[in-house]
């Protein structure tokens, strides 16, 4: 598996979902992100990071609450927000920032 740094250094946008298995809103976000991926296809990578299994990474990015989504491109963080957003809101954010 490639490292997180390799993944976010991609020239195409990478949406990172920091989540926890015990988090209700995180469970609600999962099918929304699948719809985003279905709509944007190869134009986006979406990866999920379990904060309980990746505590150093969560700490490095100062993830205090879950779900927290971050958008990266070429290694730069373009956007970040905690909470659940609708499919249309997420797609708009991706299109406006990448």
PDB file of N, CA and C in Angstrom:
ATOM      1  N   UNK A   1       0.856  -1.204   0.000  1.00  0.00           N
ATOM      2  CA  UNK A   1       0.000   0.000   0.000  1.00  0.00           C
ATOM      3  C   UNK A   1       0.885   1.247   0.000  1.00  0.00           C
ATOM      4  N   UNK A   2       0.555   2.194  -0.834  1.00  0.00           N
ATOM      5  CA  UNK A   2       1.384   3.391  -0.882  1.00  0.00           C
ATOM      6  C   UNK A   2       1.147   4.241   0.362  1.00  0.00           C
ATOM      7  N   UNK A   3       2.142   5.035   0.671  1.00  0.00           N
ATOM      8  CA  UNK A   3       2.039   5.838   1.888  1.00  0.00           C
ATOM      9  C   UNK A   3       1.075   7.007   1.672  1.00  0.00           C
ATOM     10  N   UNK A   4       0.606   7.548   2.785  1.00  0.00           N
ATOM     11  CA  UNK A   4      -0.331   8.664   2.743  1.00  0.00           C
ATOM     12  C   UNK A   4       0.253   9.830   1.949  1.00  0.00           C
ATOM     13  N   UNK A   5       1.528  10.115   2.164  1.00  0.00           N
ATOM     14  CA  UNK A   5       2.185  11.241   1.465  1.00  0.00           C
ATOM     15  C   UNK A   5       2.175  11.008  -0.045  1.00  0.00           C
ATOM     16  N   UNK A   6       2.472   9.767  -0.460  1.00  0.00           N
ATOM     17  CA  UNK A   6       2.440   9.450  -1.900  1.00  0.00           C
ATOM     18  C   UNK A   6       1.048   9.678  -2.467  1.00  0.00           C
ATOM     19  N   UNK A   7       0.033   9.261  -1.713  1.00  0.00           N
ATOM     20  CA  UNK A   7      -1.351   9.378  -2.186  1.00  0.00           C
ATOM     21  C   UNK A   7      -1.751  10.846  -2.353  1.00  0.00           C
ATOM     22  N   UNK A   8      -1.463  11.688  -1.327  1.00  0.00           N
ATOM     23  CA  UNK A   8      -1.916  13.086  -1.415  1.00  0.00           C
ATOM     24  C   UNK A   8      -1.067  13.925  -2.356  1.00  0.00           C
ATOM     25  N   UNK A   9       0.080  13.398  -2.806  1.00  0.00           N
ATOM     26  CA  UNK A   9       0.900  14.113  -3.780  1.00  0.00           C
ATOM     27  C   UNK A   9       0.407  13.905  -5.210  1.00  0.00           C
ATOM     28  N   UNK A  10      -0.715  13.241  -5.349  1.00  0.00           N
ATOM     29  CA  UNK A  10      -1.284  12.974  -6.669  1.00  0.00           C
ATOM     30  C   UNK A  10      -1.668  14.273  -7.374  1.00  0.00           C
ATOM     31  N   UNK A  11      -1.487  14.323  -8.712  1.00  0.00           N
ATOM     32  CA  UNK A  11      -1.934  15.507  -9.457  1.00  0.00           C
ATOM     33  C   UNK A  11      -3.454  15.608  -9.515  1.00  0.00           C
ATOM     34  N   UNK A  12      -4.155  14.487  -9.312  1.00  0.00           N
ATOM     35  CA  UNK A  12      -5.618  14.579  -9.269  1.00  0.00           C
ATOM     36  C   UNK A  12      -6.043  14.760  -7.814  1.00  0.00           C
ATOM     37  N   UNK A  13      -7.189  15.415  -7.592  1.00  0.00           N
ATOM     38  CA  UNK A  13      -7.626  15.689  -6.220  1.00  0.00           C
ATOM     39  C   UNK A  13      -7.845  14.398  -5.426  1.00  0.00           C
ATOM     40  N   UNK A  14      -7.492  14.461  -4.163  1.00  0.00           N
ATOM     41  CA  UNK A  14      -7.670  13.331  -3.248  1.00  0.00           C
ATOM     42  C   UNK A  14      -8.505  13.821  -2.067  1.00  0.00           C
ATOM     43  N   UNK A  15      -9.670  13.221  -1.894  1.00  0.00           N
ATOM     44  CA  UNK A  15     -10.519  13.545  -0.749  1.00  0.00           C
ATOM     45  C   UNK A  15     -10.240  12.514   0.334  1.00  0.00           C
ATOM     46  N   UNK A  16      -9.819  12.993   1.495  1.00  0.00           N
ATOM     47  CA  UNK A  16      -9.502  12.108   2.607  1.00  0.00           C
ATOM     48  C   UNK A  16     -10.610  12.230   3.648  1.00  0.00           C
ATOM     49  N   UNK A  17     -11.159  11.085   4.018  1.00  0.00           N
ATOM     50  CA  UNK A  17     -12.214  11.025   5.029  1.00  0.00           C
ATOM     51  C   UNK A  17     -11.615  10.412   6.289  1.00  0.00           C
ATOM     52  N   UNK A  18     -11.379  11.247   7.305  1.00  0.00           N
ATOM     53  CA  UNK A  18     -10.949  10.743   8.606  1.00  0.00           C
ATOM     54  C   UNK A  18     -12.205  10.327   9.359  1.00  0.00           C
ATOM     55  N   UNK A  19     -12.293   9.041   9.733  1.00  0.00           N
ATOM     56  CA  UNK A  19     -13.522   8.533  10.334  1.00  0.00           C
ATOM     57  C   UNK A  19     -13.193   7.599  11.503  1.00  0.00           C
ATOM     58  N   UNK A  20     -14.242   7.192  12.207  1.00  0.00           N
ATOM     59  CA  UNK A  20     -14.115   6.165  13.238  1.00  0.00           C
ATOM     60  C   UNK A  20     -15.292   5.205  13.090  1.00  0.00           C
ATOM     61  N   UNK A  21     -15.051   3.936  13.366  1.00  0.00           N
ATOM     62  CA  UNK A  21     -16.099   2.924  13.180  1.00  0.00           C
ATOM     63  C   UNK A  21     -17.281   3.155  14.119  1.00  0.00           C
ATOM     64  N   UNK A  22     -17.033   3.766  15.280  1.00  0.00           N
ATOM     65  CA  UNK A  22     -18.089   3.989  16.279  1.00  0.00           C
ATOM     66  C   UNK A  22     -18.878   5.286  16.047  1.00  0.00           C
ATOM     67  N   UNK A  23     -18.524   6.026  15.012  1.00  0.00           N
ATOM     68  CA  UNK A  23     -19.096   7.365  14.788  1.00  0.00           C
ATOM     69  C   UNK A  23     -20.317   7.291  13.869  1.00  0.00           C
ATOM     70  N   UNK A  24     -21.493   7.660  14.404  1.00  0.00           N
ATOM     71  CA  UNK A  24     -22.732   7.635  13.623  1.00  0.00           C
ATOM     72  C   UNK A  24     -22.691   8.481  12.362  1.00  0.00           C
ATOM     73  N   UNK A  25     -22.319   9.776  12.474  1.00  0.00           N
ATOM     74  CA  UNK A  25     -22.246  10.609  11.269  1.00  0.00           C
ATOM     75  C   UNK A  25     -21.271  10.059  10.222  1.00  0.00           C
ATOM     76  N   UNK A  26     -20.201   9.390  10.679  1.00  0.00           N
ATOM     77  CA  UNK A  26     -19.253   8.786   9.728  1.00  0.00           C
ATOM     78  C   UNK A  26     -19.940   7.711   8.893  1.00  0.00           C
ATOM     79  N   UNK A  27     -20.833   6.938   9.542  1.00  0.00           N
ATOM     80  CA  UNK A  27     -21.572   5.897   8.829  1.00  0.00           C
ATOM     81  C   UNK A  27     -22.506   6.529   7.787  1.00  0.00           C
ATOM     82  N   UNK A  28     -23.063   7.694   8.122  1.00  0.00           N
ATOM     83  CA  UNK A  28     -23.944   8.398   7.172  1.00  0.00           C
ATOM     84  C   UNK A  28     -23.156   8.941   5.983  1.00  0.00           C
ATOM     85  N   UNK A  29     -21.902   9.311   6.219  1.00  0.00           N
ATOM     86  CA  UNK A  29     -21.086   9.920   5.165  1.00  0.00           C
ATOM     87  C   UNK A  29     -20.614   8.886   4.137  1.00  0.00           C
ATOM     88  N   UNK A  30     -20.396   7.656   4.558  1.00  0.00           N
ATOM     89  CA  UNK A  30     -19.836   6.628   3.665  1.00  0.00           C
ATOM     90  C   UNK A  30     -20.618   6.473   2.353  1.00  0.00           C
ATOM     91  N   UNK A  31     -21.958   6.283   2.389  1.00  0.00           N
ATOM     92  CA  UNK A  31     -22.674   6.145   1.109  1.00  0.00           C
ATOM     93  C   UNK A  31     -22.672   7.436   0.288  1.00  0.00           C
ATOM     94  N   UNK A  32     -22.602   8.584   0.952  1.00  0.00           N
ATOM     95  CA  UNK A  32     -22.532   9.869   0.234  1.00  0.00           C
ATOM     96  C   UNK A  32     -21.221   9.931  -0.557  1.00  0.00           C
ATOM     97  N   UNK A  33     -20.123   9.521   0.085  1.00  0.00           N
ATOM     98  CA  UNK A  33     -18.821   9.538  -0.602  1.00  0.00           C
ATOM     99  C   UNK A  33     -18.802   8.548  -1.763  1.00  0.00           C
ATOM    100  N   UNK A  34     -19.505   7.427  -1.620  1.00  0.00           N
ATOM    101  CA  UNK A  34     -19.586   6.474  -2.730  1.00  0.00           C
ATOM    102  C   UNK A  34     -20.302   7.128  -3.915  1.00  0.00           C
ATOM    103  N   UNK A  35     -21.365   7.880  -3.643  1.00  0.00           N
ATOM    104  CA  UNK A  35     -22.093   8.580  -4.716  1.00  0.00           C
ATOM    105  C   UNK A  35     -21.197   9.637  -5.370  1.00  0.00           C
ATOM    106  N   UNK A  36     -20.408  10.344  -4.563  1.00  0.00           N
ATOM    107  CA  UNK A  36     -19.471  11.344  -5.110  1.00  0.00           C
ATOM    108  C   UNK A  36     -18.492  10.646  -6.059  1.00  0.00           C
ATOM    109  N   UNK A  37     -17.934   9.509  -5.618  1.00  0.00           N
ATOM    110  CA  UNK A  37     -16.987   8.751  -6.441  1.00  0.00           C
ATOM    111  C   UNK A  37     -17.663   8.261  -7.718  1.00  0.00           C
ATOM    112  N   UNK A  38     -18.905   7.775  -7.590  1.00  0.00           N
ATOM    113  CA  UNK A  38     -19.642   7.290  -8.763  1.00  0.00           C
ATOM    114  C   UNK A  38     -19.833   8.411  -9.779  1.00  0.00           C
ATOM    115  N   UNK A  39     -20.099   9.626  -9.287  1.00  0.00           N
ATOM    116  CA  UNK A  39     -20.351  10.755 -10.188  1.00  0.00           C
ATOM    117  C   UNK A  39     -19.061  11.304 -10.798  1.00  0.00           C
ATOM    118  N   UNK A  40     -17.997  11.426  -9.993  1.00  0.00           N
ATOM    119  CA  UNK A  40     -16.757  12.039 -10.484  1.00  0.00           C
ATOM    120  C   UNK A  40     -15.781  11.019 -11.072  1.00  0.00           C
ATOM    121  N   UNK A  41     -15.964   9.745 -10.740  1.00  0.00           N
ATOM    122  CA  UNK A  41     -15.159   8.678 -11.329  1.00  0.00           C
ATOM    123  C   UNK A  41     -13.665   8.881 -11.171  1.00  0.00           C
ATOM    124  N   UNK A  42     -12.956   8.810 -12.301  1.00  0.00           N
ATOM    125  CA  UNK A  42     -11.496   8.875 -12.301  1.00  0.00           C
ATOM    126  C   UNK A  42     -10.941  10.267 -11.986  1.00  0.00           C
ATOM    127  N   UNK A  43     -11.811  11.274 -11.880  1.00  0.00           N
ATOM    128  CA  UNK A  43     -11.347  12.640 -11.602  1.00  0.00           C
ATOM    129  C   UNK A  43     -11.015  12.857 -10.131  1.00  0.00           C
ATOM    130  N   UNK A  44     -11.285  11.860  -9.279  1.00  0.00           N
ATOM    131  CA  UNK A  44     -11.063  12.030  -7.841  1.00  0.00           C
ATOM    132  C   UNK A  44     -10.619  10.701  -7.229  1.00  0.00           C
ATOM    133  N   UNK A  45      -9.764  10.804  -6.224  1.00  0.00           N
ATOM    134  CA  UNK A  45      -9.470   9.645  -5.376  1.00  0.00           C
ATOM    135  C   UNK A  45     -10.101   9.938  -4.024  1.00  0.00           C
ATOM    136  N   UNK A  46     -10.720   8.939  -3.438  1.00  0.00           N
ATOM    137  CA  UNK A  46     -11.288   9.095  -2.098  1.00  0.00           C
ATOM    138  C   UNK A  46     -10.695   8.007  -1.224  1.00  0.00           C
ATOM    139  N   UNK A  47     -10.065   8.425  -0.138  1.00  0.00           N
ATOM    140  CA  UNK A  47      -9.518   7.438   0.790  1.00  0.00           C
ATOM    141  C   UNK A  47     -10.088   7.675   2.178  1.00  0.00           C
ATOM    142  N   UNK A  48     -10.230   6.577   2.913  1.00  0.00           N
ATOM    143  CA  UNK A  48     -10.768   6.651   4.265  1.00  0.00           C
ATOM    144  C   UNK A  48      -9.646   6.309   5.237  1.00  0.00           C
ATOM    145  N   UNK A  49      -9.520   7.118   6.274  1.00  0.00           N
ATOM    146  CA  UNK A  49      -8.504   6.893   7.300  1.00  0.00           C
ATOM    147  C   UNK A  49      -9.215   6.693   8.633  1.00  0.00           C
ATOM    148  N   UNK A  50      -9.059   5.512   9.217  1.00  0.00           N
ATOM    149  CA  UNK A  50      -9.637   5.211  10.524  1.00  0.00           C
ATOM    150  C   UNK A  50      -8.751   5.864  11.592  1.00  0.00           C
ATOM    151  N   UNK A  51      -9.290   6.858  12.302  1.00  0.00           N
ATOM    152  CA  UNK A  51      -8.470   7.615  13.269  1.00  0.00           C
ATOM    153  C   UNK A  51      -7.990   6.734  14.419  1.00  0.00           C
ATOM    154  N   UNK A  52      -8.734   5.692  14.741  1.00  0.00           N
ATOM    155  CA  UNK A  52      -8.315   4.814  15.835  1.00  0.00           C
ATOM    156  C   UNK A  52      -7.123   3.945  15.435  1.00  0.00           C
ATOM    157  N   UNK A  53      -7.051   3.596  14.150  1.00  0.00           N
ATOM    158  CA  UNK A  53      -5.946   2.760  13.665  1.00  0.00           C
ATOM    159  C   UNK A  53      -4.775   3.607  13.173  1.00  0.00           C
ATOM    160  N   UNK A  54      -4.991   4.889  12.960  1.00  0.00           N
ATOM    161  CA  UNK A  54      -3.954   5.773  12.417  1.00  0.00           C
ATOM    162  C   UNK A  54      -3.822   7.026  13.285  1.00  0.00           C
ATOM    163  N   UNK A  55      -3.653   6.837  14.578  1.00  0.00           N
ATOM    164  CA  UNK A  55      -3.620   7.975  15.498  1.00  0.00           C
ATOM    165  C   UNK A  55      -2.499   8.976  15.197  1.00  0.00           C
ATOM    166  N   UNK A  56      -1.278   8.526  14.836  1.00  0.00           N
ATOM    167  CA  UNK A  56      -0.234   9.520  14.521  1.00  0.00           C
ATOM    168  C   UNK A  56      -0.613  10.422  13.347  1.00  0.00           C
ATOM    169  N   UNK A  57      -1.235   9.833  12.327  1.00  0.00           N
ATOM    170  CA  UNK A  57      -1.650  10.610  11.154  1.00  0.00           C
ATOM    171  C   UNK A  57      -2.753  11.592  11.534  1.00  0.00           C
ATOM    172  N   UNK A  58      -3.724  11.120  12.306  1.00  0.00           N
ATOM    173  CA  UNK A  58      -4.813  11.994  12.766  1.00  0.00           C
ATOM    174  C   UNK A  58      -4.249  13.138  13.599  1.00  0.00           C
ATOM    175  N   UNK A  59      -3.275  12.851  14.438  1.00  0.00           N
ATOM    176  CA  UNK A  59      -2.659  13.888  15.271  1.00  0.00           C
ATOM    177  C   UNK A  59      -1.880  14.878  14.405  1.00  0.00           C
ATOM    178  N   UNK A  60      -1.175  14.372  13.414  1.00  0.00           N
ATOM    179  CA  UNK A  60      -0.387  15.226  12.520  1.00  0.00           C
ATOM    180  C   UNK A  60      -1.276  16.256  11.815  1.00  0.00           C
ATOM    181  N   UNK A  61      -2.479  15.836  11.439  1.00  0.00           N
ATOM    182  CA  UNK A  61      -3.411  16.728  10.747  1.00  0.00           C
ATOM    183  C   UNK A  61      -4.419  17.360  11.696  1.00  0.00           C
ATOM    184  N   UNK A  62      -4.179  17.205  12.986  1.00  0.00           N
ATOM    185  CA  UNK A  62      -4.992  17.837  14.029  1.00  0.00           C
ATOM    186  C   UNK A  62      -6.477  17.548  13.862  1.00  0.00           C
ATOM    187  N   UNK A  63      -6.777  16.288  13.610  1.00  0.00           N
ATOM    188  CA  UNK A  63      -8.168  15.864  13.504  1.00  0.00           C
ATOM    189  C   UNK A  63      -8.711  15.707  14.918  1.00  0.00           C
ATOM    190  N   UNK A  64      -9.620  16.583  15.286  1.00  0.00           N
ATOM    191  CA  UNK A  64     -10.182  16.579  16.639  1.00  0.00           C
ATOM    192  C   UNK A  64     -11.542  15.901  16.692  1.00  0.00           C
ATOM    193  N   UNK A  65     -12.275  15.951  15.587  1.00  0.00           N
ATOM    194  CA  UNK A  65     -13.605  15.349  15.528  1.00  0.00           C
ATOM    195  C   UNK A  65     -13.758  14.575  14.238  1.00  0.00           C
ATOM    196  N   UNK A  66     -14.632  13.592  14.263  1.00  0.00           N
ATOM    197  CA  UNK A  66     -14.890  12.818  13.049  1.00  0.00           C
ATOM    198  C   UNK A  66     -16.374  12.899  12.714  1.00  0.00           C
ATOM    199  N   UNK A  67     -16.756  12.865  11.459  1.00  0.00           N
ATOM    200  CA  UNK A  67     -15.847  12.793  10.318  1.00  0.00           C
ATOM    201  C   UNK A  67     -15.208  14.152  10.013  1.00  0.00           C
ATOM    202  N   UNK A  68     -13.964  14.114   9.570  1.00  0.00           N
ATOM    203  CA  UNK A  68     -13.289  15.299   9.046  1.00  0.00           C
ATOM    204  C   UNK A  68     -12.820  14.953   7.638  1.00  0.00           C
ATOM    205  N   UNK A  69     -13.216  15.780   6.681  1.00  0.00           N
ATOM    206  CA  UNK A  69     -12.774  15.570   5.300  1.00  0.00           C
ATOM    207  C   UNK A  69     -11.742  16.621   4.946  1.00  0.00           C
ATOM    208  N   UNK A  70     -10.748  16.199   4.164  1.00  0.00           N
ATOM    209  CA  UNK A  70      -9.730  17.122   3.658  1.00  0.00           C
ATOM    210  C   UNK A  70      -9.534  16.836   2.184  1.00  0.00           C
ATOM    211  N   UNK A  71      -9.317  17.907   1.430  1.00  0.00           N
ATOM    212  CA  UNK A  71      -9.061  17.770   0.000  1.00  0.00           C
ATOM    213  C   UNK A  71      -7.621  18.155  -0.265  1.00  0.00           C
ATOM    214  N   UNK A  72      -6.879  17.245  -0.896  1.00  0.00           N
ATOM    215  CA  UNK A  72      -5.477  17.485  -1.235  1.00  0.00           C
ATOM    216  C   UNK A  72      -5.287  17.397  -2.734  1.00  0.00           C
ATOM    217  N   UNK A  73      -4.305  18.132  -3.230  1.00  0.00           N
ATOM    218  CA  UNK A  73      -3.872  17.981  -4.619  1.00  0.00           C
ATOM    219  C   UNK A  73      -2.416  18.388  -4.669  1.00  0.00           C
ATOM    220  N   UNK A  74      -1.583  17.560  -5.308  1.00  0.00           N
ATOM    221  CA  UNK A  74      -0.142  17.813  -5.372  1.00  0.00           C
ATOM    222  C   UNK A  74       0.452  18.059  -3.984  1.00  0.00           C
ATOM    223  N   UNK A  75      -0.059  17.345  -2.988  1.00  0.00           N
ATOM    224  CA  UNK A  75       0.488  17.443  -1.644  1.00  0.00           C
ATOM    225  C   UNK A  75       0.009  18.633  -0.832  1.00  0.00           C
ATOM    226  N   UNK A  76      -0.794  19.497  -1.433  1.00  0.00           N
ATOM    227  CA  UNK A  76      -1.279  20.690  -0.712  1.00  0.00           C
ATOM    228  C   UNK A  76      -2.703  20.455  -0.219  1.00  0.00           C
ATOM    229  N   UNK A  77      -2.953  20.887   1.011  1.00  0.00           N
ATOM    230  CA  UNK A  77      -4.326  20.813   1.535  1.00  0.00           C
ATOM    231  C   UNK A  77      -5.089  22.012   0.999  1.00  0.00           C
ATOM    232  N   UNK A  78      -6.163  21.737   0.256  1.00  0.00           N
ATOM    233  CA  UNK A  78      -6.938  22.795  -0.390  1.00  0.00           C
ATOM    234  C   UNK A  78      -8.172  23.180   0.414  1.00  0.00           C
ATOM    235  N   UNK A  79      -8.660  22.224   1.226  1.00  0.00           N
ATOM    236  CA  UNK A  79      -9.927  22.428   1.931  1.00  0.00           C
ATOM    237  C   UNK A  79     -10.014  21.429   3.061  1.00  0.00           C
ATOM    238  N   UNK A  80     -10.775  21.807   4.090  1.00  0.00           N
ATOM    239  CA  UNK A  80     -10.978  20.914   5.232  1.00  0.00           C
ATOM    240  C   UNK A  80     -12.269  21.295   5.926  1.00  0.00           C
ATOM    241  N   UNK A  81     -13.025  20.290   6.352  1.00  0.00           N
ATOM    242  CA  UNK A  81     -14.240  20.555   7.111  1.00  0.00           C
ATOM    243  C   UNK A  81     -14.636  19.309   7.887  1.00  0.00           C
ATOM    244  N   UNK A  82     -15.166  19.536   9.075  1.00  0.00           N
ATOM    245  CA  UNK A  82     -15.693  18.426   9.870  1.00  0.00           C
ATOM    246  C   UNK A  82     -17.201  18.364   9.677  1.00  0.00           C
ATOM    247  N   UNK A  83     -17.742  17.159   9.824  1.00  0.00           N
ATOM    248  CA  UNK A  83     -19.185  16.984   9.724  1.00  0.00           C
ATOM    249  C   UNK A  83     -19.592  16.364   8.404  1.00  0.00           C
ATOM    250  N   UNK A  84     -20.888  16.114   8.288  1.00  0.00           N
ATOM    251  CA  UNK A  84     -21.448  15.469   7.100  1.00  0.00           C
ATOM    252  C   UNK A  84     -21.971  16.541   6.149  1.00  0.00           C
ATOM    253  N   UNK A  85     -21.611  16.422   4.884  1.00  0.00           N
ATOM    254  CA  UNK A  85     -22.114  17.319   3.847  1.00  0.00           C
ATOM    255  C   UNK A  85     -22.877  16.485   2.819  1.00  0.00           C
ATOM    256  N   UNK A  86     -23.720  17.137   2.046  1.00  0.00           N
ATOM    257  CA  UNK A  86     -24.450  16.429   0.998  1.00  0.00           C
ATOM    258  C   UNK A  86     -23.525  16.136  -0.178  1.00  0.00           C
ATOM    259  N   UNK A  87     -23.945  15.207  -1.023  1.00  0.00           N
ATOM    260  CA  UNK A  87     -23.172  14.860  -2.222  1.00  0.00           C
ATOM    261  C   UNK A  87     -22.911  16.113  -3.063  1.00  0.00           C
ATOM    262  N   UNK A  88     -23.949  16.923  -3.278  1.00  0.00           N
ATOM    263  CA  UNK A  88     -23.796  18.116  -4.125  1.00  0.00           C
ATOM    264  C   UNK A  88     -22.807  19.102  -3.515  1.00  0.00           C
ATOM    265  N   UNK A  89     -22.857  19.269  -2.183  1.00  0.00           N
ATOM    266  CA  UNK A  89     -21.919  20.187  -1.525  1.00  0.00           C
ATOM    267  C   UNK A  89     -20.487  19.704  -1.702  1.00  0.00           C
ATOM    268  N   UNK A  90     -20.266  18.407  -1.526  1.00  0.00           N
ATOM    269  CA  UNK A  90     -18.914  17.851  -1.644  1.00  0.00           C
ATOM    270  C   UNK A  90     -18.409  18.000  -3.077  1.00  0.00           C
ATOM    271  N   UNK A  91     -19.241  17.686  -4.050  1.00  0.00           N
ATOM    272  CA  UNK A  91     -18.837  17.794  -5.466  1.00  0.00           C
ATOM    273  C   UNK A  91     -18.492  19.245  -5.802  1.00  0.00           C
ATOM    274  N   UNK A  92     -19.313  20.172  -5.327  1.00  0.00           N
ATOM    275  CA  UNK A  92     -19.052  21.599  -5.585  1.00  0.00           C
ATOM    276  C   UNK A  92     -17.706  22.026  -4.992  1.00  0.00           C
ATOM    277  N   UNK A  93     -17.433  21.594  -3.775  1.00  0.00           N
ATOM    278  CA  UNK A  93     -16.168  21.928  -3.109  1.00  0.00           C
ATOM    279  C   UNK A  93     -14.987  21.375  -3.912  1.00  0.00           C
ATOM    280  N   UNK A  94     -15.104  20.133  -4.357  1.00  0.00           N
ATOM    281  CA  UNK A  94     -14.029  19.510  -5.139  1.00  0.00           C
ATOM    282  C   UNK A  94     -13.817  20.296  -6.434  1.00  0.00           C
ATOM    283  N   UNK A  95     -14.905  20.619  -7.130  1.00  0.00           N
ATOM    284  CA  UNK A  95     -14.794  21.326  -8.407  1.00  0.00           C
ATOM    285  C   UNK A  95     -14.261  22.756  -8.200  1.00  0.00           C
ATOM    286  N   UNK A  96     -14.631  23.407  -7.113  1.00  0.00           N
ATOM    287  CA  UNK A  96     -14.185  24.773  -6.877  1.00  0.00           C
ATOM    288  C   UNK A  96     -12.744  24.865  -6.410  1.00  0.00           C
ATOM    289  N   UNK A  97     -12.215  23.780  -5.853  1.00  0.00           N
ATOM    290  CA  UNK A  97     -10.873  23.823  -5.286  1.00  0.00           C
ATOM    291  C   UNK A  97      -9.812  23.123  -6.099  1.00  0.00           C
ATOM    292  N   UNK A  98     -10.207  22.390  -7.119  1.00  0.00           N
ATOM    293  CA  UNK A  98      -9.186  21.628  -7.858  1.00  0.00           C
ATOM    294  C   UNK A  98      -9.110  22.079  -9.305  1.00  0.00           C
TER     295      UNK A  98
END
